[in-house]
Each structure stands twice: as structure tokens, then as C-alpha cells.
């Protein structure tokens, strides 16, 4: 049995298969999944699992070089934003890039996978760009 917090087989497999520059999206319950992009659907009900808990578990196994947010998150100020800021300050998320929500959805077409959470706060979506550990 694994010693790390991540138990989901599909998510663990995805992270283990990433190369430098590969993108993974963690999204809220409403983020569309483009055709051809793998969906790892964790959503059970409103808020379960939440965006931040999912992100923290992914970060326990994934080396992140940079991340992308929709700039609308800065206007809506969901409660997750303060945690995102803290994670960035700690160095867990690398450089931050901002796009419009429409540009974010276009970028998500290039993701290796989209992880759907049960999050129901607006704009709680992030693109994680894989880094390297060496």
C-alpha cells in the first residue's frame, strides 16, 4: 500500500507518467472537458472533494514548475484564492500566469488530463505545469 496521501489509482498513474512541461488541470464541477482530454472525475456532490484538498494531495506527489489561473478569480475572490497565494509564496506552485477564463478553457485542450472536483465556487480552476526534480 502507498505511503503517500494520494490513493486514487488514475490520478497516481497520471502524475507518475508526466514529463517536463506536461499540464494537468484541476477544475471545479462546472469546468468543461474538451473532447480528447482525459477526465479523472472525483466529484461526488457539491463541495466534495473540494478544490484545495484535491490540489494539496496532487502537490504531495507532483513537481510543479508553474501554474495558470483565470484572471477572473482575482475579481471573484473565492476563499480558495488565499490558499493559492500561500502555496505560491511557499514555492509549491512556481510562477503564476494569468489568462482570461476563455483563454484558460482553450489552454485546457492541451492538458494531459482534467481532474474534476466537486468544488462549486467560481473560477476554482488551475493548470499545473510539470517541472523536474533534478
C-alpha atoms as a PDB file:
ATOM      1  CA  UNK A   1       0.000   0.000   0.000  1.00  0.00           C
ATOM      2  CA  UNK A   2       1.219   3.503  -0.814  1.00  0.00           C
ATOM      3  CA  UNK A   3       2.732   5.676   1.915  1.00  0.00           C
ATOM      4  CA  UNK A   4       1.855   8.998   0.300  1.00  0.00           C
ATOM      5  CA  UNK A   5      -1.566  10.653   0.701  1.00  0.00           C
ATOM      6  CA  UNK A   6      -2.717  10.061  -2.890  1.00  0.00           C
ATOM      7  CA  UNK A   7      -4.757   6.850  -3.145  1.00  0.00           C
ATOM      8  CA  UNK A   8      -6.675   7.421  -6.397  1.00  0.00           C
ATOM      9  CA  UNK A   9      -5.235   4.995  -8.971  1.00  0.00           C
ATOM     10  CA  UNK A  10      -5.988   7.085 -12.066  1.00  0.00           C
ATOM     11  CA  UNK A  11      -4.557  10.260 -10.558  1.00  0.00           C
ATOM     12  CA  UNK A  12      -1.472   8.489  -9.259  1.00  0.00           C
ATOM     13  CA  UNK A  13      -0.889   6.910 -12.688  1.00  0.00           C
ATOM     14  CA  UNK A  14      -1.252  10.306 -14.370  1.00  0.00           C
ATOM     15  CA  UNK A  15       1.280  12.007 -12.108  1.00  0.00           C
ATOM     16  CA  UNK A  16       3.758   9.153 -12.493  1.00  0.00           C
ATOM     17  CA  UNK A  17       3.531   9.485 -16.291  1.00  0.00           C
ATOM     18  CA  UNK A  18       4.125  13.250 -16.522  1.00  0.00           C
ATOM     19  CA  UNK A  19       7.115  14.737 -18.264  1.00  0.00           C
ATOM     20  CA  UNK A  20       8.564  18.238 -18.044  1.00  0.00           C
ATOM     21  CA  UNK A  21       6.042  20.779 -19.335  1.00  0.00           C
ATOM     22  CA  UNK A  22       3.038  18.454 -19.293  1.00  0.00           C
ATOM     23  CA  UNK A  23      -0.126  20.114 -17.998  1.00  0.00           C
ATOM     24  CA  UNK A  24      -2.737  18.878 -15.555  1.00  0.00           C
ATOM     25  CA  UNK A  25      -5.910  20.851 -14.852  1.00  0.00           C
ATOM     26  CA  UNK A  26      -7.703  20.687 -11.528  1.00  0.00           C
ATOM     27  CA  UNK A  27     -11.152  22.110 -12.049  1.00  0.00           C
ATOM     28  CA  UNK A  28     -14.386  22.932 -10.356  1.00  0.00           C
ATOM     29  CA  UNK A  29     -17.552  20.977 -11.027  1.00  0.00           C
ATOM     30  CA  UNK A  30     -18.534  23.205 -13.951  1.00  0.00           C
ATOM     31  CA  UNK A  31     -15.320  23.368 -15.978  1.00  0.00           C
ATOM     32  CA  UNK A  32     -15.924  21.882 -19.446  1.00  0.00           C
ATOM     33  CA  UNK A  33     -13.736  18.969 -20.507  1.00  0.00           C
ATOM     34  CA  UNK A  34     -12.603  19.276 -24.118  1.00  0.00           C
ATOM     35  CA  UNK A  35     -13.047  16.250 -26.378  1.00  0.00           C
ATOM     36  CA  UNK A  36      -9.981  14.036 -26.340  1.00  0.00           C
ATOM     37  CA  UNK A  37      -8.698  15.182 -22.932  1.00  0.00           C
ATOM     38  CA  UNK A  38      -8.750  12.513 -20.228  1.00  0.00           C
ATOM     39  CA  UNK A  39     -11.190  13.186 -17.386  1.00  0.00           C
ATOM     40  CA  UNK A  40     -10.440  11.986 -13.887  1.00  0.00           C
ATOM     41  CA  UNK A  41     -13.763  12.650 -12.199  1.00  0.00           C
ATOM     42  CA  UNK A  42     -13.504  12.832  -8.417  1.00  0.00           C
ATOM     43  CA  UNK A  43     -16.730  14.830  -7.916  1.00  0.00           C
ATOM     44  CA  UNK A  44     -19.198  13.206  -5.519  1.00  0.00           C
ATOM     45  CA  UNK A  45     -21.516  16.074  -4.574  1.00  0.00           C
ATOM     46  CA  UNK A  46     -21.401  19.848  -4.113  1.00  0.00           C
ATOM     47  CA  UNK A  47     -18.078  20.652  -2.466  1.00  0.00           C
ATOM     48  CA  UNK A  48     -16.817  17.069  -2.200  1.00  0.00           C
ATOM     49  CA  UNK A  49     -13.980  16.821  -2.781  1.00  0.00           C
ATOM     50  CA  UNK A  50     -13.133  20.487  -2.627  1.00  0.00           C
ATOM     51  CA  UNK A  51     -10.623  22.181  -4.907  1.00  0.00           C
ATOM     52  CA  UNK A  52      -7.955  22.975  -2.285  1.00  0.00           C
ATOM     53  CA  UNK A  53      -7.906  19.494  -0.714  1.00  0.00           C
ATOM     54  CA  UNK A  54      -7.534  17.960  -4.163  1.00  0.00           C
ATOM     55  CA  UNK A  55      -4.780  20.401  -5.111  1.00  0.00           C
ATOM     56  CA  UNK A  56      -2.813  19.743  -1.921  1.00  0.00           C
ATOM     57  CA  UNK A  57      -2.915  15.976  -2.441  1.00  0.00           C
ATOM     58  CA  UNK A  58      -1.751  16.375  -6.053  1.00  0.00           C
ATOM     59  CA  UNK A  59       1.062  18.662  -4.902  1.00  0.00           C
ATOM     60  CA  UNK A  60       2.208  15.975  -2.459  1.00  0.00           C
ATOM     61  CA  UNK A  61       3.371  13.947  -5.490  1.00  0.00           C
ATOM     62  CA  UNK A  62       3.737  16.388  -8.393  1.00  0.00           C
ATOM     63  CA  UNK A  63       6.676  18.708  -9.051  1.00  0.00           C
ATOM     64  CA  UNK A  64       5.174  21.960 -10.378  1.00  0.00           C
ATOM     65  CA  UNK A  65       7.170  24.473 -12.414  1.00  0.00           C
ATOM     66  CA  UNK A  66       4.372  26.997 -12.935  1.00  0.00           C
ATOM     67  CA  UNK A  67       0.628  27.384 -12.807  1.00  0.00           C
ATOM     68  CA  UNK A  68      -2.101  29.221 -14.686  1.00  0.00           C
ATOM     69  CA  UNK A  69      -5.252  30.800 -13.282  1.00  0.00           C
ATOM     70  CA  UNK A  70      -8.095  32.682 -14.931  1.00  0.00           C
ATOM     71  CA  UNK A  71      -7.747  36.343 -14.002  1.00  0.00           C
ATOM     72  CA  UNK A  72     -11.455  36.376 -13.095  1.00  0.00           C
ATOM     73  CA  UNK A  73     -10.502  34.554  -9.877  1.00  0.00           C
ATOM     74  CA  UNK A  74      -8.933  37.830  -8.705  1.00  0.00           C
ATOM     75  CA  UNK A  75     -12.253  39.641  -9.182  1.00  0.00           C
ATOM     76  CA  UNK A  76     -14.490  36.968  -7.611  1.00  0.00           C
ATOM     77  CA  UNK A  77     -12.078  36.271  -4.708  1.00  0.00           C
ATOM     78  CA  UNK A  78     -13.271  32.753  -3.788  1.00  0.00           C
ATOM     79  CA  UNK A  79     -11.985  31.512  -0.427  1.00  0.00           C
ATOM     80  CA  UNK A  80      -9.538  29.219  -2.267  1.00  0.00           C
ATOM     81  CA  UNK A  81      -7.582  32.221  -3.567  1.00  0.00           C
ATOM     82  CA  UNK A  82      -5.861  32.930  -0.248  1.00  0.00           C
ATOM     83  CA  UNK A  83      -4.609  29.334  -0.091  1.00  0.00           C
ATOM     84  CA  UNK A  84      -3.403  29.547  -3.693  1.00  0.00           C
ATOM     85  CA  UNK A  85      -1.454  32.675  -2.764  1.00  0.00           C
ATOM     86  CA  UNK A  86       0.072  30.906   0.264  1.00  0.00           C
ATOM     87  CA  UNK A  87       1.060  27.867  -1.823  1.00  0.00           C
ATOM     88  CA  UNK A  88       2.683  30.140  -4.383  1.00  0.00           C
ATOM     89  CA  UNK A  89       4.610  32.023  -1.687  1.00  0.00           C
ATOM     90  CA  UNK A  90       5.843  28.663  -0.320  1.00  0.00           C
ATOM     91  CA  UNK A  91       7.121  27.761  -3.793  1.00  0.00           C
ATOM     92  CA  UNK A  92       4.750  24.830  -4.301  1.00  0.00           C
ATOM     93  CA  UNK A  93       3.169  26.317  -7.437  1.00  0.00           C
ATOM     94  CA  UNK A  94       6.091  28.049  -9.145  1.00  0.00           C
ATOM     95  CA  UNK A  95       5.485  31.052 -11.383  1.00  0.00           C
ATOM     96  CA  UNK A  96       1.903  32.304 -11.824  1.00  0.00           C
ATOM     97  CA  UNK A  97       0.454  33.170 -15.214  1.00  0.00           C
ATOM     98  CA  UNK A  98      -2.991  34.692 -15.711  1.00  0.00           C
ATOM     99  CA  UNK A  99      -5.313  34.277 -18.692  1.00  0.00           C
ATOM    100  CA  UNK A 100      -8.937  35.140 -19.299  1.00  0.00           C
ATOM    101  CA  UNK A 101     -11.323  32.321 -18.455  1.00  0.00           C
ATOM    102  CA  UNK A 102     -11.948  31.775 -22.171  1.00  0.00           C
ATOM    103  CA  UNK A 103      -8.182  31.534 -22.827  1.00  0.00           C
ATOM    104  CA  UNK A 104      -7.911  29.158 -19.848  1.00  0.00           C
ATOM    105  CA  UNK A 105     -10.502  26.847 -21.413  1.00  0.00           C
ATOM    106  CA  UNK A 106      -8.593  26.901 -24.731  1.00  0.00           C
ATOM    107  CA  UNK A 107      -5.336  26.057 -22.919  1.00  0.00           C
ATOM    108  CA  UNK A 108      -7.045  23.150 -21.164  1.00  0.00           C
ATOM    109  CA  UNK A 109      -7.316  21.422 -24.562  1.00  0.00           C
ATOM    110  CA  UNK A 110      -3.566  20.754 -24.286  1.00  0.00           C
ATOM    111  CA  UNK A 111      -3.766  19.169 -20.827  1.00  0.00           C
ATOM    112  CA  UNK A 112      -2.864  15.531 -20.284  1.00  0.00           C
ATOM    113  CA  UNK A 113      -5.945  15.322 -18.050  1.00  0.00           C
ATOM    114  CA  UNK A 114      -8.572  17.342 -16.241  1.00  0.00           C
ATOM    115  CA  UNK A 115      -9.315  16.417 -12.648  1.00  0.00           C
ATOM    116  CA  UNK A 116     -12.923  17.318 -11.825  1.00  0.00           C
ATOM    117  CA  UNK A 117     -13.653  18.136  -8.196  1.00  0.00           C
ATOM    118  CA  UNK A 118     -16.964  18.825  -6.501  1.00  0.00           C
ATOM    119  CA  UNK A 119     -15.957  22.470  -5.987  1.00  0.00           C
ATOM    120  CA  UNK A 120     -18.795  24.931  -6.588  1.00  0.00           C
ATOM    121  CA  UNK A 121     -17.015  28.263  -6.088  1.00  0.00           C
ATOM    122  CA  UNK A 122     -16.445  30.357  -9.219  1.00  0.00           C
ATOM    123  CA  UNK A 123     -13.142  30.108 -11.114  1.00  0.00           C
ATOM    124  CA  UNK A 124     -11.572  27.481  -8.831  1.00  0.00           C
ATOM    125  CA  UNK A 125      -9.545  26.033 -11.678  1.00  0.00           C
ATOM    126  CA  UNK A 126      -5.797  25.714 -12.105  1.00  0.00           C
ATOM    127  CA  UNK A 127      -3.412  24.469 -14.756  1.00  0.00           C
ATOM    128  CA  UNK A 128      -0.354  22.848 -13.211  1.00  0.00           C
ATOM    129  CA  UNK A 129       2.728  22.681 -15.436  1.00  0.00           C
ATOM    130  CA  UNK A 130       5.012  19.809 -14.514  1.00  0.00           C
ATOM    131  CA  UNK A 131       8.568  20.571 -13.540  1.00  0.00           C
ATOM    132  CA  UNK A 132      11.502  18.250 -12.956  1.00  0.00           C
ATOM    133  CA  UNK A 133      13.048  17.130  -9.680  1.00  0.00           C
ATOM    134  CA  UNK A 134      16.633  17.395 -10.880  1.00  0.00           C
END
